[in-house]
Amino acid sequence: MPFIELETNLPASRIPAGLEKRLCAATATILDKPEDRVSVTLKPGMTLLMNGSTEPCVQLLVSSIGVVGTAEQNRNHSSGFFEFLTKELALDQDRIIIRFFPLEPWQIGKKGTVMTFL
């Protein structure tokens, strides 16, 4: 059950229409998870400073159970997300940061319980 949060200082008007759906599909492919389990949040227009600059940038937060826990996994995922984001948002790689957060089933609440019991 991946959770994707895209934070950017790009205004909403510069976010391509349908990006959330394409990011959902790309995430499902990159993380090898069912698309209907992916949750995507877009946060445009944020105040962000990256590498000493307020030029357009993106922070992508990727949280999931079982697939973002090692450097080897994340290296592969990073490559896929960077390819997607540079193409979709016309940003250089040095204006994108990806942060990976491994989750445990007990950290996700669903249907009145936690994923451990579902």
PDB file of N, CA and C in Angstrom:
ATOM      1  N   MET A   1       0.836  -1.177   0.000  1.00  0.00           N
ATOM      2  CA  MET A   1       0.000   0.000   0.000  1.00  0.00           C
ATOM      3  C   MET A   1       0.885   1.245   0.000  1.00  0.00           C
ATOM      4  N   PRO A   2       1.402   1.634  -1.161  1.00  0.00           N
ATOM      5  CA  PRO A   2       2.289   2.801  -1.241  1.00  0.00           C
ATOM      6  C   PRO A   2       1.553   4.129  -1.064  1.00  0.00           C
ATOM      7  N   PHE A   3       2.211   5.045  -0.380  1.00  0.00           N
ATOM      8  CA  PHE A   3       1.735   6.417  -0.215  1.00  0.00           C
ATOM      9  C   PHE A   3       2.756   7.322  -0.881  1.00  0.00           C
ATOM     10  N   ILE A   4       2.311   8.143  -1.811  1.00  0.00           N
ATOM     11  CA  ILE A   4       3.186   9.030  -2.562  1.00  0.00           C
ATOM     12  C   ILE A   4       2.742  10.465  -2.309  1.00  0.00           C
ATOM     13  N   GLU A   5       3.689  11.304  -1.882  1.00  0.00           N
ATOM     14  CA  GLU A   5       3.411  12.725  -1.696  1.00  0.00           C
ATOM     15  C   GLU A   5       4.405  13.510  -2.543  1.00  0.00           C
ATOM     16  N   LEU A   6       3.877  14.297  -3.460  1.00  0.00           N
ATOM     17  CA  LEU A   6       4.714  15.129  -4.307  1.00  0.00           C
ATOM     18  C   LEU A   6       4.552  16.573  -3.825  1.00  0.00           C
ATOM     19  N   GLU A   7       5.619  17.112  -3.267  1.00  0.00           N
ATOM     20  CA  GLU A   7       5.634  18.489  -2.787  1.00  0.00           C
ATOM     21  C   GLU A   7       6.462  19.315  -3.768  1.00  0.00           C
ATOM     22  N   THR A   8       5.925  20.456  -4.188  1.00  0.00           N
ATOM     23  CA  THR A   8       6.650  21.272  -5.153  1.00  0.00           C
ATOM     24  C   THR A   8       6.338  22.748  -4.970  1.00  0.00           C
ATOM     25  N   ASN A   9       7.288  23.567  -5.362  1.00  0.00           N
ATOM     26  CA  ASN A   9       7.037  25.002  -5.382  1.00  0.00           C
ATOM     27  C   ASN A   9       6.496  25.451  -6.737  1.00  0.00           C
ATOM     28  N   LEU A  10       6.296  24.521  -7.650  1.00  0.00           N
ATOM     29  CA  LEU A  10       5.634  24.853  -8.904  1.00  0.00           C
ATOM     30  C   LEU A  10       4.187  25.244  -8.601  1.00  0.00           C
ATOM     31  N   PRO A  11       3.677  26.282  -9.255  1.00  0.00           N
ATOM     32  CA  PRO A  11       2.268  26.619  -9.056  1.00  0.00           C
ATOM     33  C   PRO A  11       1.374  25.531  -9.651  1.00  0.00           C
ATOM     34  N   ALA A  12       0.158  25.445  -9.153  1.00  0.00           N
ATOM     35  CA  ALA A  12      -0.779  24.434  -9.651  1.00  0.00           C
ATOM     36  C   ALA A  12      -0.961  24.532 -11.164  1.00  0.00           C
ATOM     37  N   SER A  13      -0.846  25.730 -11.703  1.00  0.00           N
ATOM     38  CA  SER A  13      -1.015  25.923 -13.149  1.00  0.00           C
ATOM     39  C   SER A  13       0.090  25.257 -13.974  1.00  0.00           C
ATOM     40  N   ARG A  14       1.223  24.931 -13.328  1.00  0.00           N
ATOM     41  CA  ARG A  14       2.324  24.258 -14.036  1.00  0.00           C
ATOM     42  C   ARG A  14       2.315  22.741 -13.835  1.00  0.00           C
ATOM     43  N   ILE A  15       1.351  22.239 -13.081  1.00  0.00           N
ATOM     44  CA  ILE A  15       1.222  20.795 -12.891  1.00  0.00           C
ATOM     45  C   ILE A  15       0.375  20.257 -14.040  1.00  0.00           C
ATOM     46  N   PRO A  16       0.926  19.344 -14.826  1.00  0.00           N
ATOM     47  CA  PRO A  16       0.165  18.819 -15.970  1.00  0.00           C
ATOM     48  C   PRO A  16      -1.137  18.145 -15.521  1.00  0.00           C
ATOM     49  N   ALA A  17      -2.197  18.371 -16.269  1.00  0.00           N
ATOM     50  CA  ALA A  17      -3.483  17.740 -15.974  1.00  0.00           C
ATOM     51  C   ALA A  17      -3.324  16.224 -15.951  1.00  0.00           C
ATOM     52  N   GLY A  18      -3.911  15.589 -14.954  1.00  0.00           N
ATOM     53  CA  GLY A  18      -3.867  14.132 -14.852  1.00  0.00           C
ATOM     54  C   GLY A  18      -2.581  13.574 -14.282  1.00  0.00           C
ATOM     55  N   LEU A  19      -1.705  14.458 -13.777  1.00  0.00           N
ATOM     56  CA  LEU A  19      -0.423  13.974 -13.241  1.00  0.00           C
ATOM     57  C   LEU A  19      -0.618  12.946 -12.137  1.00  0.00           C
ATOM     58  N   GLU A  20      -1.613  13.165 -11.268  1.00  0.00           N
ATOM     59  CA  GLU A  20      -1.821  12.233 -10.157  1.00  0.00           C
ATOM     60  C   GLU A  20      -2.116  10.822 -10.652  1.00  0.00           C
ATOM     61  N   LYS A  21      -2.855  10.701 -11.737  1.00  0.00           N
ATOM     62  CA  LYS A  21      -3.176   9.376 -12.280  1.00  0.00           C
ATOM     63  C   LYS A  21      -1.947   8.722 -12.913  1.00  0.00           C
ATOM     64  N   ARG A  22      -1.164   9.519 -13.639  1.00  0.00           N
ATOM     65  CA  ARG A  22       0.051   8.973 -14.255  1.00  0.00           C
ATOM     66  C   ARG A  22       1.092   8.624 -13.196  1.00  0.00           C
ATOM     67  N   LEU A  23       1.189   9.437 -12.146  1.00  0.00           N
ATOM     68  CA  LEU A  23       2.110   9.132 -11.050  1.00  0.00           C
ATOM     69  C   LEU A  23       1.676   7.870 -10.322  1.00  0.00           C
ATOM     70  N   CYS A  24       0.389   7.685 -10.158  1.00  0.00           N
ATOM     71  CA  CYS A  24      -0.139   6.458  -9.547  1.00  0.00           C
ATOM     72  C   CYS A  24       0.254   5.233 -10.372  1.00  0.00           C
ATOM     73  N   ALA A  25       0.040   5.303 -11.676  1.00  0.00           N
ATOM     74  CA  ALA A  25       0.376   4.178 -12.560  1.00  0.00           C
ATOM     75  C   ALA A  25       1.880   3.918 -12.563  1.00  0.00           C
ATOM     76  N   ALA A  26       2.680   4.996 -12.615  1.00  0.00           N
ATOM     77  CA  ALA A  26       4.138   4.835 -12.607  1.00  0.00           C
ATOM     78  C   ALA A  26       4.597   4.216 -11.292  1.00  0.00           C
ATOM     79  N   THR A  27       4.024   4.654 -10.187  1.00  0.00           N
ATOM     80  CA  THR A  27       4.381   4.115  -8.868  1.00  0.00           C
ATOM     81  C   THR A  27       4.088   2.626  -8.803  1.00  0.00           C
ATOM     82  N   ALA A  28       2.911   2.238  -9.287  1.00  0.00           N
ATOM     83  CA  ALA A  28       2.541   0.821  -9.277  1.00  0.00           C
ATOM     84  C   ALA A  28       3.560  -0.007 -10.054  1.00  0.00           C
ATOM     85  N   THR A  29       3.990   0.494 -11.186  1.00  0.00           N
ATOM     86  CA  THR A  29       4.982  -0.210 -11.999  1.00  0.00           C
ATOM     87  C   THR A  29       6.341  -0.234 -11.310  1.00  0.00           C
ATOM     88  N   ILE A  30       6.791   0.925 -10.846  1.00  0.00           N
ATOM     89  CA  ILE A  30       8.117   1.038 -10.231  1.00  0.00           C
ATOM     90  C   ILE A  30       8.234   0.181  -8.977  1.00  0.00           C
ATOM     91  N   LEU A  31       7.189   0.198  -8.137  1.00  0.00           N
ATOM     92  CA  LEU A  31       7.239  -0.544  -6.867  1.00  0.00           C
ATOM     93  C   LEU A  31       6.654  -1.946  -6.974  1.00  0.00           C
ATOM     94  N   ASP A  32       6.126  -2.307  -8.147  1.00  0.00           N
ATOM     95  CA  ASP A  32       5.500  -3.611  -8.365  1.00  0.00           C
ATOM     96  C   ASP A  32       4.379  -3.859  -7.344  1.00  0.00           C
ATOM     97  N   LYS A  33       3.490  -2.881  -7.273  1.00  0.00           N
ATOM     98  CA  LYS A  33       2.323  -2.954  -6.382  1.00  0.00           C
ATOM     99  C   LYS A  33       1.071  -2.733  -7.219  1.00  0.00           C
ATOM    100  N   PRO A  34      -0.090  -3.238  -6.771  1.00  0.00           N
ATOM    101  CA  PRO A  34      -1.328  -3.000  -7.524  1.00  0.00           C
ATOM    102  C   PRO A  34      -1.671  -1.510  -7.554  1.00  0.00           C
ATOM    103  N   GLU A  35      -2.072  -1.033  -8.715  1.00  0.00           N
ATOM    104  CA  GLU A  35      -2.381   0.385  -8.872  1.00  0.00           C
ATOM    105  C   GLU A  35      -3.510   0.835  -7.949  1.00  0.00           C
ATOM    106  N   ASP A  36      -4.474  -0.042  -7.676  1.00  0.00           N
ATOM    107  CA  ASP A  36      -5.593   0.357  -6.827  1.00  0.00           C
ATOM    108  C   ASP A  36      -5.222   0.440  -5.342  1.00  0.00           C
ATOM    109  N   ARG A  37      -3.984   0.127  -5.009  1.00  0.00           N
ATOM    110  CA  ARG A  37      -3.501   0.268  -3.630  1.00  0.00           C
ATOM    111  C   ARG A  37      -2.649   1.520  -3.418  1.00  0.00           C
ATOM    112  N   VAL A  38      -2.323   2.222  -4.501  1.00  0.00           N
ATOM    113  CA  VAL A  38      -1.451   3.387  -4.427  1.00  0.00           C
ATOM    114  C   VAL A  38      -2.270   4.631  -4.074  1.00  0.00           C
ATOM    115  N   SER A  39      -1.769   5.426  -3.129  1.00  0.00           N
ATOM    116  CA  SER A  39      -2.393   6.689  -2.741  1.00  0.00           C
ATOM    117  C   SER A  39      -1.436   7.829  -3.099  1.00  0.00           C
ATOM    118  N   VAL A  40      -1.930   8.801  -3.873  1.00  0.00           N
ATOM    119  CA  VAL A  40      -1.102   9.914  -4.352  1.00  0.00           C
ATOM    120  C   VAL A  40      -1.660  11.234  -3.844  1.00  0.00           C
ATOM    121  N   THR A  41      -0.779  12.064  -3.298  1.00  0.00           N
ATOM    122  CA  THR A  41      -1.136  13.428  -2.886  1.00  0.00           C
ATOM    123  C   THR A  41      -0.207  14.399  -3.597  1.00  0.00           C
ATOM    124  N   LEU A  42      -0.784  15.399  -4.255  1.00  0.00           N
ATOM    125  CA  LEU A  42       0.001  16.449  -4.906  1.00  0.00           C
ATOM    126  C   LEU A  42      -0.135  17.724  -4.083  1.00  0.00           C
ATOM    127  N   LYS A  43       1.007  18.363  -3.804  1.00  0.00           N
ATOM    128  CA  LYS A  43       1.020  19.604  -3.040  1.00  0.00           C
ATOM    129  C   LYS A  43       1.783  20.672  -3.815  1.00  0.00           C
ATOM    130  N   PRO A  44       1.116  21.348  -4.759  1.00  0.00           N
ATOM    131  CA  PRO A  44       1.785  22.406  -5.520  1.00  0.00           C
ATOM    132  C   PRO A  44       1.809  23.715  -4.724  1.00  0.00           C
ATOM    133  N   GLY A  45       2.605  24.658  -5.198  1.00  0.00           N
ATOM    134  CA  GLY A  45       2.620  25.999  -4.632  1.00  0.00           C
ATOM    135  C   GLY A  45       3.213  26.123  -3.244  1.00  0.00           C
ATOM    136  N   MET A  46       4.024  25.154  -2.846  1.00  0.00           N
ATOM    137  CA  MET A  46       4.638  25.195  -1.518  1.00  0.00           C
ATOM    138  C   MET A  46       5.870  26.105  -1.539  1.00  0.00           C
ATOM    139  N   THR A  47       6.252  26.581  -0.373  1.00  0.00           N
ATOM    140  CA  THR A  47       7.492  27.334  -0.243  1.00  0.00           C
ATOM    141  C   THR A  47       8.608  26.332  -0.018  1.00  0.00           C
ATOM    142  N   LEU A  48       9.507  26.196  -0.981  1.00  0.00           N
ATOM    143  CA  LEU A  48      10.594  25.220  -0.887  1.00  0.00           C
ATOM    144  C   LEU A  48      11.922  25.865  -1.286  1.00  0.00           C
ATOM    145  N   LEU A  49      12.943  25.495  -0.569  1.00  0.00           N
ATOM    146  CA  LEU A  49      14.313  25.883  -0.888  1.00  0.00           C
ATOM    147  C   LEU A  49      15.111  24.597  -1.012  1.00  0.00           C
ATOM    148  N   MET A  50      15.798  24.419  -2.129  1.00  0.00           N
ATOM    149  CA  MET A  50      16.591  23.217  -2.335  1.00  0.00           C
ATOM    150  C   MET A  50      17.957  23.622  -2.860  1.00  0.00           C
ATOM    151  N   ASN A  51      18.992  23.114  -2.236  1.00  0.00           N
ATOM    152  CA  ASN A  51      20.361  23.421  -2.654  1.00  0.00           C
ATOM    153  C   ASN A  51      20.608  24.925  -2.709  1.00  0.00           C
ATOM    154  N   GLY A  52      20.036  25.648  -1.753  1.00  0.00           N
ATOM    155  CA  GLY A  52      20.241  27.086  -1.670  1.00  0.00           C
ATOM    156  C   GLY A  52      19.466  27.910  -2.674  1.00  0.00           C
ATOM    157  N   SER A  53      18.508  27.290  -3.376  1.00  0.00           N
ATOM    158  CA  SER A  53      17.778  27.985  -4.429  1.00  0.00           C
ATOM    159  C   SER A  53      16.275  27.744  -4.307  1.00  0.00           C
ATOM    160  N   THR A  54      15.502  28.753  -4.663  1.00  0.00           N
ATOM    161  CA  THR A  54      14.045  28.604  -4.707  1.00  0.00           C
ATOM    162  C   THR A  54      13.547  28.360  -6.134  1.00  0.00           C
ATOM    163  N   GLU A  55      14.468  28.054  -7.046  1.00  0.00           N
ATOM    164  CA  GLU A  55      14.062  27.681  -8.407  1.00  0.00           C
ATOM    165  C   GLU A  55      13.132  26.466  -8.319  1.00  0.00           C
ATOM    166  N   PRO A  56      12.311  26.229  -9.354  1.00  0.00           N
ATOM    167  CA  PRO A  56      11.364  25.108  -9.302  1.00  0.00           C
ATOM    168  C   PRO A  56      12.040  23.793  -8.888  1.00  0.00           C
ATOM    169  N   CYS A  57      11.369  23.096  -7.962  1.00  0.00           N
ATOM    170  CA  CYS A  57      11.911  21.839  -7.440  1.00  0.00           C
ATOM    171  C   CYS A  57      10.780  20.951  -6.939  1.00  0.00           C
ATOM    172  N   VAL A  58      11.140  19.707  -6.647  1.00  0.00           N
ATOM    173  CA  VAL A  58      10.186  18.701  -6.176  1.00  0.00           C
ATOM    174  C   VAL A  58      10.831  17.860  -5.091  1.00  0.00           C
ATOM    175  N   GLN A  59      10.044  17.573  -4.050  1.00  0.00           N
ATOM    176  CA  GLN A  59      10.392  16.530  -3.093  1.00  0.00           C
ATOM    177  C   GLN A  59       9.329  15.445  -3.250  1.00  0.00           C
ATOM    178  N   LEU A  60       9.764  14.234  -3.477  1.00  0.00           N
ATOM    179  CA  LEU A  60       8.843  13.104  -3.585  1.00  0.00           C
ATOM    180  C   LEU A  60       9.045  12.220  -2.372  1.00  0.00           C
ATOM    181  N   LEU A  61       7.988  11.999  -1.610  1.00  0.00           N
ATOM    182  CA  LEU A  61       8.041  11.133  -0.443  1.00  0.00           C
ATOM    183  C   LEU A  61       7.362   9.819  -0.810  1.00  0.00           C
ATOM    184  N   VAL A  62       8.085   8.726  -0.642  1.00  0.00           N
ATOM    185  CA  VAL A  62       7.600   7.399  -1.018  1.00  0.00           C
ATOM    186  C   VAL A  62       7.591   6.528   0.228  1.00  0.00           C
ATOM    187  N   SER A  63       6.399   6.128   0.655  1.00  0.00           N
ATOM    188  CA  SER A  63       6.249   5.268   1.832  1.00  0.00           C
ATOM    189  C   SER A  63       5.525   3.996   1.406  1.00  0.00           C
ATOM    190  N   SER A  64       6.036   2.851   1.856  1.00  0.00           N
ATOM    191  CA  SER A  64       5.393   1.601   1.476  1.00  0.00           C
ATOM    192  C   SER A  64       5.867   0.468   2.376  1.00  0.00           C
ATOM    193  N   ILE A  65       5.100  -0.599   2.366  1.00  0.00           N
ATOM    194  CA  ILE A  65       5.439  -1.813   3.112  1.00  0.00           C
ATOM    195  C   ILE A  65       6.268  -2.722   2.214  1.00  0.00           C
ATOM    196  N   GLY A  66       7.435  -3.113   2.683  1.00  0.00           N
ATOM    197  CA  GLY A  66       8.187  -4.182   2.061  1.00  0.00           C
ATOM    198  C   GLY A  66       9.007  -3.896   0.818  1.00  0.00           C
ATOM    199  N   VAL A  67       8.899  -2.696   0.236  1.00  0.00           N
ATOM    200  CA  VAL A  67       9.610  -2.496  -1.026  1.00  0.00           C
ATOM    201  C   VAL A  67      10.553  -1.292  -1.039  1.00  0.00           C
ATOM    202  N   VAL A  68      10.675  -0.571   0.065  1.00  0.00           N
ATOM    203  CA  VAL A  68      11.568   0.592   0.103  1.00  0.00           C
ATOM    204  C   VAL A  68      12.531   0.516   1.292  1.00  0.00           C
ATOM    205  N   GLY A  69      12.911  -0.678   1.675  1.00  0.00           N
ATOM    206  CA  GLY A  69      13.699  -0.856   2.885  1.00  0.00           C
ATOM    207  C   GLY A  69      15.198  -1.009   2.710  1.00  0.00           C
ATOM    208  N   THR A  70      15.685  -1.102   1.466  1.00  0.00           N
ATOM    209  CA  THR A  70      17.125  -1.285   1.283  1.00  0.00           C
ATOM    210  C   THR A  70      17.672  -0.308   0.250  1.00  0.00           C
ATOM    211  N   ALA A  71      18.975  -0.071   0.314  1.00  0.00           N
ATOM    212  CA  ALA A  71      19.624   0.819  -0.650  1.00  0.00           C
ATOM    213  C   ALA A  71      19.470   0.279  -2.070  1.00  0.00           C
ATOM    214  N   GLU A  72      19.579  -1.027  -2.234  1.00  0.00           N
ATOM    215  CA  GLU A  72      19.464  -1.633  -3.560  1.00  0.00           C
ATOM    216  C   GLU A  72      18.066  -1.413  -4.133  1.00  0.00           C
ATOM    217  N   GLN A  73      17.032  -1.649  -3.315  1.00  0.00           N
ATOM    218  CA  GLN A  73      15.664  -1.418  -3.776  1.00  0.00           C
ATOM    219  C   GLN A  73      15.474   0.045  -4.168  1.00  0.00           C
ATOM    220  N   ASN A  74      15.891   0.937  -3.285  1.00  0.00           N
ATOM    221  CA  ASN A  74      15.648   2.355  -3.502  1.00  0.00           C
ATOM    222  C   ASN A  74      16.446   2.925  -4.672  1.00  0.00           C
ATOM    223  N   ARG A  75      17.601   2.371  -4.947  1.00  0.00           N
ATOM    224  CA  ARG A  75      18.373   2.811  -6.116  1.00  0.00           C
ATOM    225  C   ARG A  75      17.564   2.548  -7.384  1.00  0.00           C
ATOM    226  N   ASN A  76      16.978   1.368  -7.466  1.00  0.00           N
ATOM    227  CA  ASN A  76      16.161   1.026  -8.635  1.00  0.00           C
ATOM    228  C   ASN A  76      14.908   1.898  -8.711  1.00  0.00           C
ATOM    229  N   HIS A  77      14.237   2.070  -7.572  1.00  0.00           N
ATOM    230  CA  HIS A  77      13.030   2.902  -7.543  1.00  0.00           C
ATOM    231  C   HIS A  77      13.367   4.346  -7.916  1.00  0.00           C
ATOM    232  N   SER A  78      14.476   4.844  -7.376  1.00  0.00           N
ATOM    233  CA  SER A  78      14.895   6.222  -7.631  1.00  0.00           C
ATOM    234  C   SER A  78      15.042   6.474  -9.124  1.00  0.00           C
ATOM    235  N   SER A  79      15.656   5.552  -9.806  1.00  0.00           N
ATOM    236  CA  SER A  79      15.856   5.682 -11.250  1.00  0.00           C
ATOM    237  C   SER A  79      14.527   5.852 -11.970  1.00  0.00           C
ATOM    238  N   GLY A  80      13.559   5.018 -11.639  1.00  0.00           N
ATOM    239  CA  GLY A  80      12.242   5.089 -12.283  1.00  0.00           C
ATOM    240  C   GLY A  80      11.509   6.380 -11.972  1.00  0.00           C
ATOM    241  N   PHE A  81      11.540   6.799 -10.712  1.00  0.00           N
ATOM    242  CA  PHE A  81      10.857   8.044 -10.334  1.00  0.00           C
ATOM    243  C   PHE A  81      11.534   9.261 -10.962  1.00  0.00           C
ATOM    244  N   PHE A  82      12.873   9.284 -11.003  1.00  0.00           N
ATOM    245  CA  PHE A  82      13.571  10.407 -11.622  1.00  0.00           C
ATOM    246  C   PHE A  82      13.222  10.505 -13.106  1.00  0.00           C
ATOM    247  N   GLU A  83      13.182   9.376 -13.788  1.00  0.00           N
ATOM    248  CA  GLU A  83      12.818   9.378 -15.204  1.00  0.00           C
ATOM    249  C   GLU A  83      11.422   9.962 -15.392  1.00  0.00           C
ATOM    250  N   PHE A  84      10.490   9.512 -14.574  1.00  0.00           N
ATOM    251  CA  PHE A  84       9.104   9.989 -14.664  1.00  0.00           C
ATOM    252  C   PHE A  84       9.016  11.489 -14.378  1.00  0.00           C
ATOM    253  N   LEU A  85       9.614  11.940 -13.277  1.00  0.00           N
ATOM    254  CA  LEU A  85       9.469  13.332 -12.857  1.00  0.00           C
ATOM    255  C   LEU A  85      10.172  14.320 -13.786  1.00  0.00           C
ATOM    256  N   THR A  86      11.357  13.971 -14.267  1.00  0.00           N
ATOM    257  CA  THR A  86      12.049  14.887 -15.176  1.00  0.00           C
ATOM    258  C   THR A  86      11.252  15.057 -16.476  1.00  0.00           C
ATOM    259  N   LYS A  87      10.644  13.994 -16.931  1.00  0.00           N
ATOM    260  CA  LYS A  87       9.850  14.046 -18.155  1.00  0.00           C
ATOM    261  C   LYS A  87       8.544  14.825 -17.940  1.00  0.00           C
ATOM    262  N   GLU A  88       7.831  14.511 -16.869  1.00  0.00           N
ATOM    263  CA  GLU A  88       6.513  15.117 -16.626  1.00  0.00           C
ATOM    264  C   GLU A  88       6.593  16.587 -16.224  1.00  0.00           C
ATOM    265  N   LEU A  89       7.613  16.952 -15.439  1.00  0.00           N
ATOM    266  CA  LEU A  89       7.668  18.303 -14.881  1.00  0.00           C
ATOM    267  C   LEU A  89       8.759  19.174 -15.496  1.00  0.00           C
ATOM    268  N   ALA A  90       9.505  18.635 -16.441  1.00  0.00           N
ATOM    269  CA  ALA A  90      10.571  19.383 -17.122  1.00  0.00           C
ATOM    270  C   ALA A  90      11.558  19.997 -16.121  1.00  0.00           C
ATOM    271  N   LEU A  91      11.975  19.201 -15.145  1.00  0.00           N
ATOM    272  CA  LEU A  91      12.959  19.631 -14.152  1.00  0.00           C
ATOM    273  C   LEU A  91      14.246  18.841 -14.329  1.00  0.00           C
ATOM    274  N   ASP A  92      15.369  19.482 -14.026  1.00  0.00           N
ATOM    275  CA  ASP A  92      16.643  18.766 -14.007  1.00  0.00           C
ATOM    276  C   ASP A  92      16.687  17.868 -12.780  1.00  0.00           C
ATOM    277  N   GLN A  93      17.493  16.810 -12.845  1.00  0.00           N
ATOM    278  CA  GLN A  93      17.589  15.879 -11.729  1.00  0.00           C
ATOM    279  C   GLN A  93      18.071  16.538 -10.443  1.00  0.00           C
ATOM    280  N   ASP A  94      18.862  17.601 -10.544  1.00  0.00           N
ATOM    281  CA  ASP A  94      19.352  18.247  -9.328  1.00  0.00           C
ATOM    282  C   ASP A  94      18.280  19.090  -8.642  1.00  0.00           C
ATOM    283  N   ARG A  95      17.078  19.164  -9.224  1.00  0.00           N
ATOM    284  CA  ARG A  95      15.960  19.888  -8.621  1.00  0.00           C
ATOM    285  C   ARG A  95      14.901  18.941  -8.075  1.00  0.00           C
ATOM    286  N   ILE A  96      15.288  17.668  -7.944  1.00  0.00           N
ATOM    287  CA  ILE A  96      14.372  16.631  -7.446  1.00  0.00           C
ATOM    288  C   ILE A  96      15.061  15.867  -6.325  1.00  0.00           C
ATOM    289  N   ILE A  97      14.339  15.676  -5.244  1.00  0.00           N
ATOM    290  CA  ILE A  97      14.814  14.829  -4.142  1.00  0.00           C
ATOM    291  C   ILE A  97      13.724  13.804  -3.845  1.00  0.00           C
ATOM    292  N   ILE A  98      14.145  12.569  -3.631  1.00  0.00           N
ATOM    293  CA  ILE A  98      13.204  11.507  -3.270  1.00  0.00           C
ATOM    294  C   ILE A  98      13.574  11.009  -1.883  1.00  0.00           C
ATOM    295  N   ARG A  99      12.574  10.928  -1.025  1.00  0.00           N
ATOM    296  CA  ARG A  99      12.786  10.412   0.337  1.00  0.00           C
ATOM    297  C   ARG A  99      11.948   9.151   0.506  1.00  0.00           C
ATOM    298  N   PHE A 100      12.620   8.065   0.889  1.00  0.00           N
ATOM    299  CA  PHE A 100      11.964   6.771   1.044  1.00  0.00           C
ATOM    300  C   PHE A 100      11.717   6.472   2.525  1.00  0.00           C
ATOM    301  N   PHE A 101      10.506   6.018   2.823  1.00  0.00           N
ATOM    302  CA  PHE A 101      10.129   5.684   4.190  1.00  0.00           C
ATOM    303  C   PHE A 101       9.532   4.280   4.223  1.00  0.00           C
ATOM    304  N   PRO A 102      10.284   3.304   4.739  1.00  0.00           N
ATOM    305  CA  PRO A 102       9.701   1.965   4.873  1.00  0.00           C
ATOM    306  C   PRO A 102       8.633   1.966   5.969  1.00  0.00           C
ATOM    307  N   LEU A 103       7.540   1.273   5.712  1.00  0.00           N
ATOM    308  CA  LEU A 103       6.450   1.171   6.675  1.00  0.00           C
ATOM    309  C   LEU A 103       6.268  -0.273   7.116  1.00  0.00           C
ATOM    310  N   GLU A 104       5.737  -0.432   8.290  1.00  0.00           N
ATOM    311  CA  GLU A 104       5.340  -1.738   8.810  1.00  0.00           C
ATOM    312  C   GLU A 104       3.814  -1.811   8.774  1.00  0.00           C
ATOM    313  N   PRO A 105       3.236  -3.000   8.638  1.00  0.00           N
ATOM    314  CA  PRO A 105       1.778  -3.122   8.549  1.00  0.00           C
ATOM    315  C   PRO A 105       1.030  -2.491   9.734  1.00  0.00           C
ATOM    316  N   TRP A 106       1.607  -2.502  10.901  1.00  0.00           N
ATOM    317  CA  TRP A 106       0.932  -1.931  12.065  1.00  0.00           C
ATOM    318  C   TRP A 106       0.896  -0.404  12.043  1.00  0.00           C
ATOM    319  N   GLN A 107       1.595   0.228  11.090  1.00  0.00           N
ATOM    320  CA  GLN A 107       1.627   1.687  10.995  1.00  0.00           C
ATOM    321  C   GLN A 107       0.546   2.256  10.081  1.00  0.00           C
ATOM    322  N   ILE A 108      -0.256   1.395   9.452  1.00  0.00           N
ATOM    323  CA  ILE A 108      -1.288   1.847   8.526  1.00  0.00           C
ATOM    324  C   ILE A 108      -2.651   1.377   9.007  1.00  0.00           C
ATOM    325  N   GLY A 109      -3.508   2.342   9.306  1.00  0.00           N
ATOM    326  CA  GLY A 109      -4.867   2.031   9.726  1.00  0.00           C
ATOM    327  C   GLY A 109      -5.794   1.934   8.539  1.00  0.00           C
ATOM    328  N   LYS A 110      -6.651   0.900   8.548  1.00  0.00           N
ATOM    329  CA  LYS A 110      -7.606   0.709   7.464  1.00  0.00           C
ATOM    330  C   LYS A 110      -8.758  -0.139   7.970  1.00  0.00           C
ATOM    331  N   LYS A 111      -9.971   0.234   7.585  1.00  0.00           N
ATOM    332  CA  LYS A 111     -11.177  -0.527   7.928  1.00  0.00           C
ATOM    333  C   LYS A 111     -11.315  -0.754   9.430  1.00  0.00           C
ATOM    334  N   GLY A 112     -10.975   0.235  10.227  1.00  0.00           N
ATOM    335  CA  GLY A 112     -11.148   0.151  11.677  1.00  0.00           C
ATOM    336  C   GLY A 112     -10.107  -0.679  12.395  1.00  0.00           C
ATOM    337  N   THR A 113      -9.040  -1.044  11.701  1.00  0.00           N
ATOM    338  CA  THR A 113      -7.968  -1.827  12.313  1.00  0.00           C
ATOM    339  C   THR A 113      -6.657  -1.364  11.678  1.00  0.00           C
ATOM    340  N   VAL A 114      -5.642  -2.196  11.723  1.00  0.00           N
ATOM    341  CA  VAL A 114      -4.396  -1.906  11.039  1.00  0.00           C
ATOM    342  C   VAL A 114      -4.107  -3.026  10.043  1.00  0.00           C
ATOM    343  N   MET A 115      -3.255  -2.746   9.080  1.00  0.00           N
ATOM    344  CA  MET A 115      -2.987  -3.705   8.000  1.00  0.00           C
ATOM    345  C   MET A 115      -2.494  -5.058   8.527  1.00  0.00           C
ATOM    346  N   THR A 116      -1.889  -5.078   9.681  1.00  0.00           N
ATOM    347  CA  THR A 116      -1.410  -6.340  10.263  1.00  0.00           C
ATOM    348  C   THR A 116      -2.536  -7.372  10.323  1.00  0.00           C
ATOM    349  N   PHE A 117      -3.752  -6.911  10.596  1.00  0.00           N
ATOM    350  CA  PHE A 117      -4.870  -7.814  10.815  1.00  0.00           C
ATOM    351  C   PHE A 117      -5.797  -7.961   9.599  1.00  0.00           C
ATOM    352  N   LEU A 118      -5.390  -7.397   8.479  1.00  0.00           N
ATOM    353  CA  LEU A 118      -6.215  -7.530   7.270  1.00  0.00           C
ATOM    354  C   LEU A 118      -5.609  -8.531   6.301  1.00  0.00           C
TER     355      LEU A 118
END
